[in-house]
PDB file of all heavy atoms in Angstrom:
ATOM      1  N   GLN A   1     100.344 104.244 100.557  1.00  0.00           N
ATOM      2  CA  GLN A   1      98.914 104.324 100.430  1.00  0.00           C
ATOM      3  C   GLN A   1      98.419 103.652  99.144  1.00  0.00           C
ATOM      4  O   GLN A   1      97.169 103.605  98.948  1.00  0.00           O
ATOM      5  CB  GLN A   1      98.512 105.844 100.419  1.00  0.00           C
ATOM      6  CG  GLN A   1      98.911 106.584 101.665  1.00  0.00           C
ATOM      7  CD  GLN A   1      98.251 106.020 102.911  1.00  0.00           C
ATOM      8  OE1 GLN A   1      97.020 105.867 102.981  1.00  0.00           O
ATOM      9  NE2 GLN A   1      99.000 105.612 103.909  1.00  0.00           N
ATOM     10  N   VAL A   2      99.277 103.196  98.262  1.00  0.00           N
ATOM     11  CA  VAL A   2      98.849 102.509  97.084  1.00  0.00           C
ATOM     12  C   VAL A   2      99.575 101.199  96.912  1.00  0.00           C
ATOM     13  O   VAL A   2     100.653 101.077  97.412  1.00  0.00           O
ATOM     14  CB  VAL A   2      99.074 103.384  95.744  1.00  0.00           C
ATOM     15  CG1 VAL A   2      98.238 104.623  95.784  1.00  0.00           C
ATOM     16  CG2 VAL A   2     100.534 103.751  95.608  1.00  0.00           C
ATOM     17  N   GLY A   3      98.929 100.250  96.230  1.00  0.00           N
ATOM     18  CA  GLY A   3      99.533  98.904  96.021  1.00  0.00           C
ATOM     19  C   GLY A   3      98.568  97.814  96.253  1.00  0.00           C
ATOM     20  O   GLY A   3      97.442  98.051  96.693  1.00  0.00           O
ATOM     21  N   PRO A   4      98.943  96.548  95.957  1.00  0.00           N
ATOM     22  CA  PRO A   4      98.022  95.446  96.145  1.00  0.00           C
ATOM     23  C   PRO A   4      97.563  95.264  97.566  1.00  0.00           C
ATOM     24  O   PRO A   4      96.548  94.638  97.752  1.00  0.00           O
ATOM     25  CB  PRO A   4      98.914  94.271  95.673  1.00  0.00           C
ATOM     26  CG  PRO A   4      99.903  94.809  94.722  1.00  0.00           C
ATOM     27  CD  PRO A   4     100.180  96.216  95.318  1.00  0.00           C
ATOM     28  N   HIS A   5      98.282  95.724  98.576  1.00  0.00           N
ATOM     29  CA  HIS A   5      97.848  95.677  99.962  1.00  0.00           C
ATOM     30  C   HIS A   5      96.670  96.576 100.199  1.00  0.00           C
ATOM     31  O   HIS A   5      96.022  96.454 101.265  1.00  0.00           O
ATOM     32  CB  HIS A   5      98.946  96.057 100.925  1.00  0.00           C
ATOM     33  CG  HIS A   5      99.458  97.471 100.773  1.00  0.00           C
ATOM     34  ND1 HIS A   5     100.149  97.939  99.715  1.00  0.00           N
ATOM     35  CD2 HIS A   5      99.210  98.554 101.601  1.00  0.00           C
ATOM     36  CE1 HIS A   5     100.397  99.232  99.893  1.00  0.00           C
ATOM     37  NE2 HIS A   5      99.848  99.631 101.013  1.00  0.00           N
ATOM     38  N   ARG A   6      96.232  97.349  99.246  1.00  0.00           N
ATOM     39  CA  ARG A   6      95.030  98.233  99.335  1.00  0.00           C
ATOM     40  C   ARG A   6      93.937  97.723  98.333  1.00  0.00           C
ATOM     41  O   ARG A   6      93.017  98.455  98.133  1.00  0.00           O
ATOM     42  CB  ARG A   6      95.368  99.663  99.121  1.00  0.00           C
ATOM     43  CG  ARG A   6      96.410 100.282  99.969  1.00  0.00           C
ATOM     44  CD  ARG A   6      96.021 100.275 101.433  1.00  0.00           C
ATOM     45  NE  ARG A   6      94.842 101.163 101.705  1.00  0.00           N
ATOM     46  CZ  ARG A   6      94.955 102.461 102.026  1.00  0.00           C
ATOM     47  NH1 ARG A   6      96.145 103.013 102.193  1.00  0.00           N
ATOM     48  NH2 ARG A   6      93.887 103.228 102.182  1.00  0.00           N
ATOM     49  N   ALA A   7      94.143  96.591  97.781  1.00  0.00           N
ATOM     50  CA  ALA A   7      93.217  96.010  96.686  1.00  0.00           C
ATOM     51  C   ALA A   7      91.933  95.656  97.348  1.00  0.00           C
ATOM     52  O   ALA A   7      91.741  95.456  98.567  1.00  0.00           O
ATOM     53  CB  ALA A   7      93.884  94.894  96.042  1.00  0.00           C
ATOM     54  N   ASP A   8      90.912  95.510  96.525  1.00  0.00           N
ATOM     55  CA  ASP A   8      89.595  95.084  96.915  1.00  0.00           C
ATOM     56  C   ASP A   8      88.877  94.403  95.728  1.00  0.00           C
ATOM     57  O   ASP A   8      89.273  94.457  94.588  1.00  0.00           O
ATOM     58  CB  ASP A   8      88.744  96.278  97.403  1.00  0.00           C
ATOM     59  CG  ASP A   8      87.520  95.874  98.250  1.00  0.00           C
ATOM     60  OD1 ASP A   8      87.393  94.557  98.474  1.00  0.00           O
ATOM     61  OD2 ASP A   8      86.772  96.674  98.674  1.00  0.00           O
ATOM     62  N   VAL A   9      87.833  93.716  96.044  1.00  0.00           N
ATOM     63  CA  VAL A   9      86.979  93.074  95.056  1.00  0.00           C
ATOM     64  C   VAL A   9      85.552  93.533  95.338  1.00  0.00           C
ATOM     65  O   VAL A   9      85.045  93.328  96.387  1.00  0.00           O
ATOM     66  CB  VAL A   9      87.118  91.547  95.156  1.00  0.00           C
ATOM     67  CG1 VAL A   9      86.090  90.872  94.151  1.00  0.00           C
ATOM     68  CG2 VAL A   9      88.467  91.024  94.868  1.00  0.00           C
ATOM     69  N   THR A  10      84.896  94.065  94.266  1.00  0.00           N
ATOM     70  CA  THR A  10      83.518  94.420  94.388  1.00  0.00           C
ATOM     71  C   THR A  10      82.673  93.285  93.711  1.00  0.00           C
ATOM     72  O   THR A  10      82.984  92.896  92.642  1.00  0.00           O
ATOM     73  CB  THR A  10      83.208  95.719  93.652  1.00  0.00           C
ATOM     74  OG1 THR A  10      83.947  96.747  94.302  1.00  0.00           O
ATOM     75  CG2 THR A  10      81.705  96.059  93.678  1.00  0.00           C
ATOM     76  N   VAL A  11      81.635  92.892  94.417  1.00  0.00           N
ATOM     77  CA  VAL A  11      80.748  91.810  93.962  1.00  0.00           C
ATOM     78  C   VAL A  11      79.442  92.477  93.519  1.00  0.00           C
ATOM     79  O   VAL A  11      78.863  93.272  94.351  1.00  0.00           O
ATOM     80  CB  VAL A  11      80.493  90.759  95.010  1.00  0.00           C
ATOM     81  CG1 VAL A  11      79.615  89.608  94.476  1.00  0.00           C
ATOM     82  CG2 VAL A  11      81.848  90.158  95.539  1.00  0.00           C
ATOM     83  N   LYS A  12      79.050  92.190  92.326  1.00  0.00           N
ATOM     84  CA  LYS A  12      77.787  92.781  91.778  1.00  0.00           C
ATOM     85  C   LYS A  12      76.749  91.738  91.500  1.00  0.00           C
ATOM     86  O   LYS A  12      77.091  90.634  91.040  1.00  0.00           O
ATOM     87  CB  LYS A  12      78.088  93.592  90.528  1.00  0.00           C
ATOM     88  CG  LYS A  12      78.912  94.898  90.732  1.00  0.00           C
ATOM     89  CD  LYS A  12      79.011  95.647  89.515  1.00  0.00           C
ATOM     90  CE  LYS A  12      79.764  96.993  89.704  1.00  0.00           C
ATOM     91  NZ  LYS A  12      79.787  97.828  88.482  1.00  0.00           N
ATOM     92  N   VAL A  13      75.511  92.120  91.795  1.00  0.00           N
ATOM     93  CA  VAL A  13      74.366  91.268  91.429  1.00  0.00           C
ATOM     94  C   VAL A  13      73.577  92.091  90.456  1.00  0.00           C
ATOM     95  O   VAL A  13      73.038  93.140  90.794  1.00  0.00           O
ATOM     96  CB  VAL A  13      73.477  90.927  92.665  1.00  0.00           C
ATOM     97  CG1 VAL A  13      72.272  90.135  92.245  1.00  0.00           C
ATOM     98  CG2 VAL A  13      74.259  90.112  93.719  1.00  0.00           C
ATOM     99  N   GLY A  14      73.493  91.631  89.229  1.00  0.00           N
ATOM    100  CA  GLY A  14      73.007  92.438  88.190  1.00  0.00           C
ATOM    101  C   GLY A  14      73.917  93.641  87.953  1.00  0.00           C
ATOM    102  O   GLY A  14      75.157  93.463  87.747  1.00  0.00           O
ATOM    103  N   THR A  15      73.338  94.812  88.067  1.00  0.00           N
ATOM    104  CA  THR A  15      74.136  96.064  87.904  1.00  0.00           C
ATOM    105  C   THR A  15      74.450  96.713  89.286  1.00  0.00           C
ATOM    106  O   THR A  15      75.028  97.799  89.276  1.00  0.00           O
ATOM    107  CB  THR A  15      73.444  97.050  86.980  1.00  0.00           C
ATOM    108  OG1 THR A  15      72.177  97.382  87.483  1.00  0.00           O
ATOM    109  CG2 THR A  15      73.248  96.445  85.608  1.00  0.00           C
ATOM    110  N   HIS A  16      74.000  96.086  90.321  1.00  0.00           N
ATOM    111  CA  HIS A  16      74.142  96.724  91.699  1.00  0.00           C
ATOM    112  C   HIS A  16      75.268  96.095  92.511  1.00  0.00           C
ATOM    113  O   HIS A  16      75.495  94.834  92.409  1.00  0.00           O
ATOM    114  CB  HIS A  16      72.831  96.595  92.383  1.00  0.00           C
ATOM    115  CG  HIS A  16      71.694  97.231  91.738  1.00  0.00           C
ATOM    116  ND1 HIS A  16      71.349  98.584  91.875  1.00  0.00           N
ATOM    117  CD2 HIS A  16      70.751  96.784  90.830  1.00  0.00           C
ATOM    118  CE1 HIS A  16      70.271  98.909  91.150  1.00  0.00           C
ATOM    119  NE2 HIS A  16      69.891  97.802  90.471  1.00  0.00           N
ATOM    120  N   VAL A  17      75.903  96.857  93.329  1.00  0.00           N
ATOM    121  CA  VAL A  17      76.816  96.352  94.319  1.00  0.00           C
ATOM    122  C   VAL A  17      76.076  95.504  95.287  1.00  0.00           C
ATOM    123  O   VAL A  17      75.086  95.979  95.890  1.00  0.00           O
ATOM    124  CB  VAL A  17      77.609  97.475  94.972  1.00  0.00           C
ATOM    125  CG1 VAL A  17      78.506  96.955  96.058  1.00  0.00           C
ATOM    126  CG2 VAL A  17      78.356  98.359  93.979  1.00  0.00           C
ATOM    127  N   ALA A  18      76.501  94.316  95.488  1.00  0.00           N
ATOM    128  CA  ALA A  18      75.763  93.331  96.261  1.00  0.00           C
ATOM    129  C   ALA A  18      75.391  93.760  97.630  1.00  0.00           C
ATOM    130  O   ALA A  18      74.196  93.584  98.086  1.00  0.00           O
ATOM    131  CB  ALA A  18      76.507  91.970  96.322  1.00  0.00           C
ATOM    132  N   ARG A  19      76.361  94.303  98.399  1.00  0.00           N
ATOM    133  CA  ARG A  19      76.097  94.613  99.864  1.00  0.00           C
ATOM    134  C   ARG A  19      75.113  95.760  99.985  1.00  0.00           C
ATOM    135  O   ARG A  19      74.565  95.972 101.079  1.00  0.00           O
ATOM    136  CB  ARG A  19      77.344  94.900 100.562  1.00  0.00           C
ATOM    137  CG  ARG A  19      78.189  96.089 100.118  1.00  0.00           C
ATOM    138  CD  ARG A  19      79.366  96.200 100.955  1.00  0.00           C
ATOM    139  NE  ARG A  19      80.240  97.262 100.510  1.00  0.00           N
ATOM    140  CZ  ARG A  19      81.441  97.607 101.029  1.00  0.00           C
ATOM    141  NH1 ARG A  19      81.888  96.802 101.961  1.00  0.00           N
ATOM    142  NH2 ARG A  19      82.170  98.587 100.613  1.00  0.00           N
ATOM    143  N   GLU A  20      74.815  96.519  98.882  1.00  0.00           N
ATOM    144  CA  GLU A  20      73.931  97.606  98.918  1.00  0.00           C
ATOM    145  C   GLU A  20      72.500  97.193  98.479  1.00  0.00           C
ATOM    146  O   GLU A  20      71.580  97.982  98.568  1.00  0.00           O
ATOM    147  CB  GLU A  20      74.393  98.744  98.032  1.00  0.00           C
ATOM    148  CG  GLU A  20      75.728  99.300  98.469  1.00  0.00           C
ATOM    149  CD  GLU A  20      76.234 100.302  97.442  1.00  0.00           C
ATOM    150  OE1 GLU A  20      75.602 100.555  96.380  1.00  0.00           O
ATOM    151  OE2 GLU A  20      77.330 100.942  97.772  1.00  0.00           O
ATOM    152  N   ARG A  21      72.306  95.945  98.032  1.00  0.00           N
ATOM    153  CA  ARG A  21      71.101  95.547  97.508  1.00  0.00           C
ATOM    154  C   ARG A  21      70.402  94.347  98.159  1.00  0.00           C
ATOM    155  O   ARG A  21      69.262  94.368  98.482  1.00  0.00           O
ATOM    156  CB  ARG A  21      71.227  95.295  96.032  1.00  0.00           C
ATOM    157  CG  ARG A  21      69.956  94.800  95.292  1.00  0.00           C
ATOM    158  CD  ARG A  21      70.247  94.394  93.865  1.00  0.00           C
ATOM    159  NE  ARG A  21      68.979  93.899  93.254  1.00  0.00           N
ATOM    160  CZ  ARG A  21      68.940  93.324  92.114  1.00  0.00           C
ATOM    161  NH1 ARG A  21      70.060  93.225  91.396  1.00  0.00           N
ATOM    162  NH2 ARG A  21      67.796  92.917  91.629  1.00  0.00           N
ATOM    163  N   VAL A  22      71.194  93.328  98.379  1.00  0.00           N
ATOM    164  CA  VAL A  22      70.603  92.041  98.780  1.00  0.00           C
ATOM    165  C   VAL A  22      70.413  91.926 100.268  1.00  0.00           C
ATOM    166  O   VAL A  22      71.083  92.604 101.043  1.00  0.00           O
ATOM    167  CB  VAL A  22      71.498  90.888  98.261  1.00  0.00           C
ATOM    168  CG1 VAL A  22      71.611  90.932  96.795  1.00  0.00           C
ATOM    169  CG2 VAL A  22      72.838  90.896  98.951  1.00  0.00           C
ATOM    170  N   SER A  23      69.452  91.074 100.679  1.00  0.00           N
ATOM    171  CA  SER A  23      69.125  90.813 102.106  1.00  0.00           C
ATOM    172  C   SER A  23      70.193  89.982 102.755  1.00  0.00           C
ATOM    173  O   SER A  23      71.118  89.457 102.054  1.00  0.00           O
ATOM    174  CB  SER A  23      67.802  90.115 102.160  1.00  0.00           C
ATOM    175  OG  SER A  23      67.882  88.839 101.640  1.00  0.00           O
ATOM    176  N   ARG A  24      70.119  89.788 104.102  1.00  0.00           N
ATOM    177  CA  ARG A  24      71.071  88.983 104.729  1.00  0.00           C
ATOM    178  C   ARG A  24      71.117  87.535 104.249  1.00  0.00           C
ATOM    179  O   ARG A  24      72.150  86.932 104.037  1.00  0.00           O
ATOM    180  CB  ARG A  24      70.805  89.028 106.243  1.00  0.00           C
ATOM    181  CG  ARG A  24      71.730  88.123 107.119  1.00  0.00           C
ATOM    182  CD  ARG A  24      73.183  88.473 107.044  1.00  0.00           C
ATOM    183  NE  ARG A  24      73.381  89.830 107.583  1.00  0.00           N
ATOM    184  CZ  ARG A  24      73.560  90.197 108.872  1.00  0.00           C
ATOM    185  NH1 ARG A  24      73.428  89.183 109.819  1.00  0.00           N
ATOM    186  NH2 ARG A  24      73.687  91.364 109.216  1.00  0.00           N
ATOM    187  N   GLY A  25      69.915  86.935 104.030  1.00  0.00           N
ATOM    188  CA  GLY A  25      69.879  85.596 103.546  1.00  0.00           C
ATOM    189  C   GLY A  25      70.445  85.505 102.131  1.00  0.00           C
ATOM    190  O   GLY A  25      71.210  84.502 101.787  1.00  0.00           O
ATOM    191  N   GLN A  26      70.154  86.478 101.274  1.00  0.00           N
ATOM    192  CA  GLN A  26      70.786  86.528  99.907  1.00  0.00           C
ATOM    193  C   GLN A  26      72.308  86.717 100.030  1.00  0.00           C
ATOM    194  O   GLN A  26      73.060  86.199  99.213  1.00  0.00           O
ATOM    195  CB  GLN A  26      70.096  87.565  99.145  1.00  0.00           C
ATOM    196  CG  GLN A  26      68.678  87.267  98.700  1.00  0.00           C
ATOM    197  CD  GLN A  26      67.966  88.422  97.994  1.00  0.00           C
ATOM    198  OE1 GLN A  26      68.078  89.614  98.422  1.00  0.00           O
ATOM    199  NE2 GLN A  26      67.338  88.172  96.867  1.00  0.00           N
ATOM    200  N   GLN A  27      72.724  87.504 100.959  1.00  0.00           N
ATOM    201  CA  GLN A  27      74.132  87.793 101.094  1.00  0.00           C
ATOM    202  C   GLN A  27      74.808  86.448 101.478  1.00  0.00           C
ATOM    203  O   GLN A  27      75.909  86.147 100.966  1.00  0.00           O
ATOM    204  CB  GLN A  27      74.419  88.750 102.246  1.00  0.00           C
ATOM    205  CG  GLN A  27      74.210  90.205 101.817  1.00  0.00           C
ATOM    206  CD  GLN A  27      74.631  91.162 102.920  1.00  0.00           C
ATOM    207  OE1 GLN A  27      75.011  90.790 103.966  1.00  0.00           O
ATOM    208  NE2 GLN A  27      74.626  92.463 102.545  1.00  0.00           N
ATOM    209  N   LYS A  28      74.150  85.653 102.345  1.00  0.00           N
ATOM    210  CA  LYS A  28      74.761  84.364 102.664  1.00  0.00           C
ATOM    211  C   LYS A  28      74.866  83.425 101.430  1.00  0.00           C
ATOM    212  O   LYS A  28      75.896  82.825 101.238  1.00  0.00           O
ATOM    213  CB  LYS A  28      73.926  83.641 103.696  1.00  0.00           C
ATOM    214  CG  LYS A  28      74.482  82.270 104.173  1.00  0.00           C
ATOM    215  CD  LYS A  28      73.813  81.668 105.421  1.00  0.00           C
ATOM    216  CE  LYS A  28      74.409  80.241 105.727  1.00  0.00           C
ATOM    217  NZ  LYS A  28      73.924  79.721 106.879  1.00  0.00           N
ATOM    218  N   LEU A  29      73.817  83.410 100.645  1.00  0.00           N
ATOM    219  CA  LEU A  29      73.841  82.608  99.443  1.00  0.00           C
ATOM    220  C   LEU A  29      74.881  83.110  98.452  1.00  0.00           C
ATOM    221  O   LEU A  29      75.647  82.307  97.830  1.00  0.00           O
ATOM    222  CB  LEU A  29      72.477  82.681  98.721  1.00  0.00           C
ATOM    223  CG  LEU A  29      71.357  81.710  99.273  1.00  0.00           C
ATOM    224  CD1 LEU A  29      70.066  81.885  98.489  1.00  0.00           C
ATOM    225  CD2 LEU A  29      71.911  80.311  99.281  1.00  0.00           C
ATOM    226  N   LEU A  30      75.084  84.415  98.439  1.00  0.00           N
ATOM    227  CA  LEU A  30      76.043  84.948  97.402  1.00  0.00           C
ATOM    228  C   LEU A  30      77.456  84.729  97.917  1.00  0.00           C
ATOM    229  O   LEU A  30      78.353  84.267  97.148  1.00  0.00           O
ATOM    230  CB  LEU A  30      75.793  86.485  97.280  1.00  0.00           C
ATOM    231  CG  LEU A  30      76.719  87.237  96.334  1.00  0.00           C
ATOM    232  CD1 LEU A  30      76.665  86.605  94.976  1.00  0.00           C
ATOM    233  CD2 LEU A  30      76.295  88.695  96.221  1.00  0.00           C
ATOM    234  N   ALA A  31      77.686  84.881  99.196  1.00  0.00           N
ATOM    235  CA  ALA A  31      78.991  84.542  99.762  1.00  0.00           C
ATOM    236  C   ALA A  31      79.278  83.071  99.658  1.00  0.00           C
ATOM    237  O   ALA A  31      80.416  82.595  99.389  1.00  0.00           O
ATOM    238  CB  ALA A  31      79.094  84.960 101.218  1.00  0.00           C
ATOM    239  N   ALA A  32      78.247  82.243  99.836  1.00  0.00           N
ATOM    240  CA  ALA A  32      78.375  80.768  99.623  1.00  0.00           C
ATOM    241  C   ALA A  32      78.774  80.500  98.190  1.00  0.00           C
ATOM    242  O   ALA A  32      79.650  79.598  97.892  1.00  0.00           O
ATOM    243  CB  ALA A  32      77.143  80.018 100.027  1.00  0.00           C
ATOM    244  N   ALA A  33      78.122  81.182  97.262  1.00  0.00           N
ATOM    245  CA  ALA A  33      78.443  80.986  95.802  1.00  0.00           C
ATOM    246  C   ALA A  33      79.892  81.358  95.577  1.00  0.00           C
ATOM    247  O   ALA A  33      80.595  80.631  94.792  1.00  0.00           O
ATOM    248  CB  ALA A  33      77.533  81.849  94.906  1.00  0.00           C
ATOM    249  N   LEU A  34      80.447  82.419  96.125  1.00  0.00           N
ATOM    250  CA  LEU A  34      81.810  82.789  95.986  1.00  0.00           C
ATOM    251  C   LEU A  34      82.726  81.653  96.489  1.00  0.00           C
ATOM    252  O   LEU A  34      83.722  81.219  95.886  1.00  0.00           O
ATOM    253  CB  LEU A  34      82.108  84.055  96.713  1.00  0.00           C
ATOM    254  CG  LEU A  34      81.730  85.349  96.070  1.00  0.00           C
ATOM    255  CD1 LEU A  34      81.605  86.501  97.059  1.00  0.00           C
ATOM    256  CD2 LEU A  34      82.634  85.716  94.892  1.00  0.00           C
ATOM    257  N   THR A  35      82.362  81.192  97.695  1.00  0.00           N
ATOM    258  CA  THR A  35      83.219  80.092  98.303  1.00  0.00           C
ATOM    259  C   THR A  35      83.149  78.770  97.458  1.00  0.00           C
ATOM    260  O   THR A  35      84.161  78.165  97.236  1.00  0.00           O
ATOM    261  CB  THR A  35      82.660  79.801  99.740  1.00  0.00           C
ATOM    262  OG1 THR A  35      82.715  80.954 100.482  1.00  0.00           O
ATOM    263  CG2 THR A  35      83.517  78.759 100.385  1.00  0.00           C
ATOM    264  N   LEU A  36      81.966  78.456  97.038  1.00  0.00           N
ATOM    265  CA  LEU A  36      81.865  77.226  96.138  1.00  0.00           C
ATOM    266  C   LEU A  36      82.488  77.360  94.814  1.00  0.00           C
ATOM    267  O   LEU A  36      83.044  76.390  94.320  1.00  0.00           O
ATOM    268  CB  LEU A  36      80.341  76.851  96.005  1.00  0.00           C
ATOM    269  CG  LEU A  36      79.618  76.512  97.335  1.00  0.00           C
ATOM    270  CD1 LEU A  36      78.143  76.264  97.056  1.00  0.00           C
ATOM    271  CD2 LEU A  36      80.210  75.268  98.043  1.00  0.00           C
ATOM    272  N   ALA A  37      82.411  78.554  94.280  1.00  0.00           N
ATOM    273  CA  ALA A  37      83.211  78.787  93.043  1.00  0.00           C
ATOM    274  C   ALA A  37      84.647  78.633  93.223  1.00  0.00           C
ATOM    275  O   ALA A  37      85.361  77.965  92.406  1.00  0.00           O
ATOM    276  CB  ALA A  37      82.817  80.162  92.471  1.00  0.00           C
ATOM    277  N   GLN A  38      85.197  79.161  94.355  1.00  0.00           N
ATOM    278  CA  GLN A  38      86.569  79.006  94.638  1.00  0.00           C
ATOM    279  C   GLN A  38      86.938  77.567  94.862  1.00  0.00           C
ATOM    280  O   GLN A  38      87.936  77.078  94.365  1.00  0.00           O
ATOM    281  CB  GLN A  38      86.945  79.828  95.880  1.00  0.00           C
ATOM    282  CG  GLN A  38      88.367  79.893  96.171  1.00  0.00           C
ATOM    283  CD  GLN A  38      88.740  80.933  97.269  1.00  0.00           C
ATOM    284  OE1 GLN A  38      88.637  80.610  98.453  1.00  0.00           O
ATOM    285  NE2 GLN A  38      89.161  82.035  96.812  1.00  0.00           N
ATOM    286  N   LEU A  39      86.121  76.828  95.588  1.00  0.00           N
ATOM    287  CA  LEU A  39      86.351  75.417  95.833  1.00  0.00           C
ATOM    288  C   LEU A  39      86.353  74.591  94.524  1.00  0.00           C
ATOM    289  O   LEU A  39      87.192  73.672  94.288  1.00  0.00           O
ATOM    290  CB  LEU A  39      85.263  74.828  96.751  1.00  0.00           C
ATOM    291  CG  LEU A  39      85.455  73.405  97.187  1.00  0.00           C
ATOM    292  CD1 LEU A  39      86.794  73.186  97.943  1.00  0.00           C
ATOM    293  CD2 LEU A  39      84.253  73.049  98.095  1.00  0.00           C
ATOM    294  N   THR A  40      85.435  75.008  93.606  1.00  0.00           N
ATOM    295  CA  THR A  40      85.375  74.343  92.288  1.00  0.00           C
ATOM    296  C   THR A  40      86.741  74.496  91.484  1.00  0.00           C
ATOM    297  O   THR A  40      87.268  73.561  90.938  1.00  0.00           O
ATOM    298  CB  THR A  40      84.234  74.859  91.458  1.00  0.00           C
ATOM    299  OG1 THR A  40      83.029  74.605  92.184  1.00  0.00           O
ATOM    300  CG2 THR A  40      84.123  74.195  90.095  1.00  0.00           C
ATOM    301  N   ILE A  41      87.230  75.741  91.420  1.00  0.00           N
ATOM    302  CA  ILE A  41      88.464  76.072  90.767  1.00  0.00           C
ATOM    303  C   ILE A  41      89.559  75.312  91.455  1.00  0.00           C
ATOM    304  O   ILE A  41      90.471  74.738  90.810  1.00  0.00           O
ATOM    305  CB  ILE A  41      88.774  77.552  90.764  1.00  0.00           C
ATOM    306  CG1 ILE A  41      87.662  78.269  89.959  1.00  0.00           C
ATOM    307  CG2 ILE A  41      90.125  77.847  90.158  1.00  0.00           C
ATOM    308  CD1 ILE A  41      87.582  77.884  88.481  1.00  0.00           C
ATOM    309  N   GLN A  42      89.596  75.309  92.813  1.00  0.00           N
ATOM    310  CA  GLN A  42      90.626  74.616  93.506  1.00  0.00           C
ATOM    311  C   GLN A  42      90.631  73.156  93.230  1.00  0.00           C
ATOM    312  O   GLN A  42      91.734  72.566  93.042  1.00  0.00           O
ATOM    313  CB  GLN A  42      90.373  74.896  95.043  1.00  0.00           C
ATOM    314  CG  GLN A  42      91.381  74.313  96.010  1.00  0.00           C
ATOM    315  CD  GLN A  42      91.042  74.702  97.432  1.00  0.00           C
ATOM    316  OE1 GLN A  42      90.906  75.845  97.814  1.00  0.00           O
ATOM    317  NE2 GLN A  42      90.909  73.681  98.258  1.00  0.00           N
ATOM    318  N   GLU A  43      89.503  72.571  93.197  1.00  0.00           N
ATOM    319  CA  GLU A  43      89.393  71.106  92.965  1.00  0.00           C
ATOM    320  C   GLU A  43      89.798  70.787  91.506  1.00  0.00           C
ATOM    321  O   GLU A  43      90.347  69.735  91.224  1.00  0.00           O
ATOM    322  CB  GLU A  43      87.994  70.625  93.298  1.00  0.00           C
ATOM    323  CG  GLU A  43      87.749  69.149  93.068  1.00  0.00           C
ATOM    324  CD  GLU A  43      88.557  68.232  93.979  1.00  0.00           C
ATOM    325  OE1 GLU A  43      89.100  68.763  95.014  1.00  0.00           O
ATOM    326  OE2 GLU A  43      88.697  67.038  93.667  1.00  0.00           O
ATOM    327  N   THR A  44      89.474  71.709  90.603  1.00  0.00           N
ATOM    328  CA  THR A  44      89.877  71.413  89.194  1.00  0.00           C
ATOM    329  C   THR A  44      91.422  71.455  89.062  1.00  0.00           C
ATOM    330  O   THR A  44      91.930  70.674  88.306  1.00  0.00           O
ATOM    331  CB  THR A  44      89.285  72.578  88.268  1.00  0.00           C
ATOM    332  OG1 THR A  44      87.792  72.524  88.391  1.00  0.00           O
ATOM    333  CG2 THR A  44      89.672  72.326  86.838  1.00  0.00           C
ATOM    334  N   SER A  45      92.060  72.361  89.795  1.00  0.00           N
ATOM    335  CA  SER A  45      93.509  72.452  89.738  1.00  0.00           C
ATOM    336  C   SER A  45      94.197  71.386  90.457  1.00  0.00           C
ATOM    337  O   SER A  45      95.277  70.932  90.090  1.00  0.00           O
ATOM    338  CB  SER A  45      93.935  73.835  90.254  1.00  0.00           C
ATOM    339  OG  SER A  45      93.371  74.925  89.532  1.00  0.00           O
TER     340      SER A  45
END
């Protein structure tokens, strides 16, 4: 019941958990930001 296979990542906008605050359109932009950040790091490496 414990270990990295139970890990998670919480995304916050300001001081709030994102999925509890932002609209669907904002969620898409935020998830896109996560993807583009990952792509940026990937391309840098």
